[in-house]
C-alpha atoms as a PDB file:
ATOM      1  CA  UNK A   1       0.039  -0.254  -0.282  1.00  0.00           C
ATOM      2  CA  UNK A   2       1.140   3.349  -0.704  1.00  0.00           C
ATOM      3  CA  UNK A   3      -0.137   6.947   0.840  1.00  0.00           C
ATOM      4  CA  UNK A   4      -1.333   9.895  -1.153  1.00  0.00           C
ATOM      5  CA  UNK A   5      -3.012  12.940  -0.431  1.00  0.00           C
ATOM      6  CA  UNK A   6      -5.946  14.126  -2.615  1.00  0.00           C
ATOM      7  CA  UNK A   7      -6.879  17.837  -2.912  1.00  0.00           C
ATOM      8  CA  UNK A   8     -10.570  18.673  -3.591  1.00  0.00           C
ATOM      9  CA  UNK A   9     -11.533  22.102  -5.280  1.00  0.00           C
ATOM     10  CA  UNK A  10     -14.965  23.253  -6.037  1.00  0.00           C
ATOM     11  CA  UNK A  11     -17.727  21.136  -7.096  1.00  0.00           C
ATOM     12  CA  UNK A  12     -15.251  18.131  -5.968  1.00  0.00           C
ATOM     13  CA  UNK A  13     -14.866  19.265  -2.518  1.00  0.00           C
ATOM     14  CA  UNK A  14     -18.975  19.984  -2.108  1.00  0.00           C
ATOM     15  CA  UNK A  15     -19.230  16.382  -3.500  1.00  0.00           C
ATOM     16  CA  UNK A  16     -16.826  14.745  -1.226  1.00  0.00           C
ATOM     17  CA  UNK A  17     -17.522  17.178   1.774  1.00  0.00           C
ATOM     18  CA  UNK A  18     -13.861  17.908   2.512  1.00  0.00           C
ATOM     19  CA  UNK A  19     -11.179  19.746   1.009  1.00  0.00           C
ATOM     20  CA  UNK A  20      -8.496  17.056   1.588  1.00  0.00           C
ATOM     21  CA  UNK A  21      -8.418  13.397   1.877  1.00  0.00           C
ATOM     22  CA  UNK A  22      -5.265  11.127   3.227  1.00  0.00           C
ATOM     23  CA  UNK A  23      -5.966   7.554   1.592  1.00  0.00           C
ATOM     24  CA  UNK A  24      -4.037   4.198   1.314  1.00  0.00           C
ATOM     25  CA  UNK A  25      -4.118   2.846  -2.161  1.00  0.00           C
ATOM     26  CA  UNK A  26      -2.808  -0.298  -3.749  1.00  0.00           C
ATOM     27  CA  UNK A  27       0.786  -0.224  -5.285  1.00  0.00           C
ATOM     28  CA  UNK A  28       0.214   0.085  -8.806  1.00  0.00           C
ATOM     29  CA  UNK A  29      -2.649   2.143  -9.034  1.00  0.00           C
ATOM     30  CA  UNK A  30      -3.318   5.175 -11.328  1.00  0.00           C
ATOM     31  CA  UNK A  31      -4.913   8.568 -11.351  1.00  0.00           C
ATOM     32  CA  UNK A  32      -7.679   7.168 -13.577  1.00  0.00           C
ATOM     33  CA  UNK A  33      -8.217   4.701 -10.920  1.00  0.00           C
ATOM     34  CA  UNK A  34      -8.467   7.333  -8.327  1.00  0.00           C
ATOM     35  CA  UNK A  35     -10.804   9.287 -10.538  1.00  0.00           C
ATOM     36  CA  UNK A  36     -13.123   6.447 -11.013  1.00  0.00           C
ATOM     37  CA  UNK A  37     -13.128   5.810  -7.083  1.00  0.00           C
ATOM     38  CA  UNK A  38     -13.914   9.367  -6.474  1.00  0.00           C
ATOM     39  CA  UNK A  39     -16.496   9.559  -8.943  1.00  0.00           C
ATOM     40  CA  UNK A  40     -18.393   6.421  -7.750  1.00  0.00           C
ATOM     41  CA  UNK A  41     -17.849   7.543  -4.148  1.00  0.00           C
ATOM     42  CA  UNK A  42     -20.120  10.623  -4.484  1.00  0.00           C
ATOM     43  CA  UNK A  43     -23.113   8.873  -6.355  1.00  0.00           C
ATOM     44  CA  UNK A  44     -23.321  11.062  -9.615  1.00  0.00           C
ATOM     45  CA  UNK A  45     -22.633  14.187  -7.888  1.00  0.00           C
ATOM     46  CA  UNK A  46     -19.670  14.827 -10.548  1.00  0.00           C
ATOM     47  CA  UNK A  47     -21.720  13.586 -13.520  1.00  0.00           C
ATOM     48  CA  UNK A  48     -20.930  15.311 -16.972  1.00  0.00           C
ATOM     49  CA  UNK A  49     -18.207  17.247 -15.134  1.00  0.00           C
ATOM     50  CA  UNK A  50     -14.594  16.956 -16.844  1.00  0.00           C
ATOM     51  CA  UNK A  51     -11.903  16.967 -14.320  1.00  0.00           C
ATOM     52  CA  UNK A  52      -8.322  18.123 -14.534  1.00  0.00           C
ATOM     53  CA  UNK A  53      -5.962  16.154 -12.704  1.00  0.00           C
ATOM     54  CA  UNK A  54      -2.575  17.835 -11.180  1.00  0.00           C
ATOM     55  CA  UNK A  55       0.197  15.324  -9.326  1.00  0.00           C
ATOM     56  CA  UNK A  56       2.538  17.048  -7.155  1.00  0.00           C
ATOM     57  CA  UNK A  57       1.080  20.295  -8.099  1.00  0.00           C
ATOM     58  CA  UNK A  58       1.738  19.400 -12.234  1.00  0.00           C
ATOM     59  CA  UNK A  59      -1.243  19.131 -14.491  1.00  0.00           C
ATOM     60  CA  UNK A  60      -0.904  15.404 -16.049  1.00  0.00           C
ATOM     61  CA  UNK A  61      -2.443  14.107 -19.494  1.00  0.00           C
ATOM     62  CA  UNK A  62      -4.133  10.639 -19.436  1.00  0.00           C
ATOM     63  CA  UNK A  63      -3.276   8.223 -16.834  1.00  0.00           C
ATOM     64  CA  UNK A  64      -0.033   8.094 -14.439  1.00  0.00           C
ATOM     65  CA  UNK A  65       0.941   5.499 -12.123  1.00  0.00           C
ATOM     66  CA  UNK A  66       0.948   6.856  -8.232  1.00  0.00           C
ATOM     67  CA  UNK A  67       3.725   6.839  -5.913  1.00  0.00           C
ATOM     68  CA  UNK A  68       3.824   7.172  -1.975  1.00  0.00           C
ATOM     69  CA  UNK A  69       3.585  10.639  -1.059  1.00  0.00           C
ATOM     70  CA  UNK A  70       1.915  11.916  -4.093  1.00  0.00           C
ATOM     71  CA  UNK A  71      -0.393  14.779  -3.948  1.00  0.00           C
ATOM     72  CA  UNK A  72      -3.419  14.485  -6.330  1.00  0.00           C
ATOM     73  CA  UNK A  73      -5.823  17.401  -7.020  1.00  0.00           C
ATOM     74  CA  UNK A  74      -9.024  17.040  -8.680  1.00  0.00           C
ATOM     75  CA  UNK A  75      -9.943  20.310 -10.419  1.00  0.00           C
ATOM     76  CA  UNK A  76     -13.177  21.145 -11.876  1.00  0.00           C
ATOM     77  CA  UNK A  77     -13.640  23.629 -15.021  1.00  0.00           C
ATOM     78  CA  UNK A  78     -13.482  27.312 -13.830  1.00  0.00           C
ATOM     79  CA  UNK A  79     -16.682  28.810 -13.624  1.00  0.00           C
ATOM     80  CA  UNK A  80     -17.612  32.549 -13.409  1.00  0.00           C
ATOM     81  CA  UNK A  81     -20.615  34.691 -14.063  1.00  0.00           C
END
């Protein structure tokens, strides 16, 4: 198992009810695995929302394998009015 920190912003924070989560996940888990877990956990609250993913404060494209101590941020599109 590895330990990661998840940072939640905007709609993700509201859906999860927290702005930060510390989790133990399986070695070999990816950002896609984690995103799927988060979406399932909030039971539809993030449907049709495209999330950007950052690992250690850098945006990533596609799915990357996570390492012990990584900080993962799920960032929804910017909204304004």
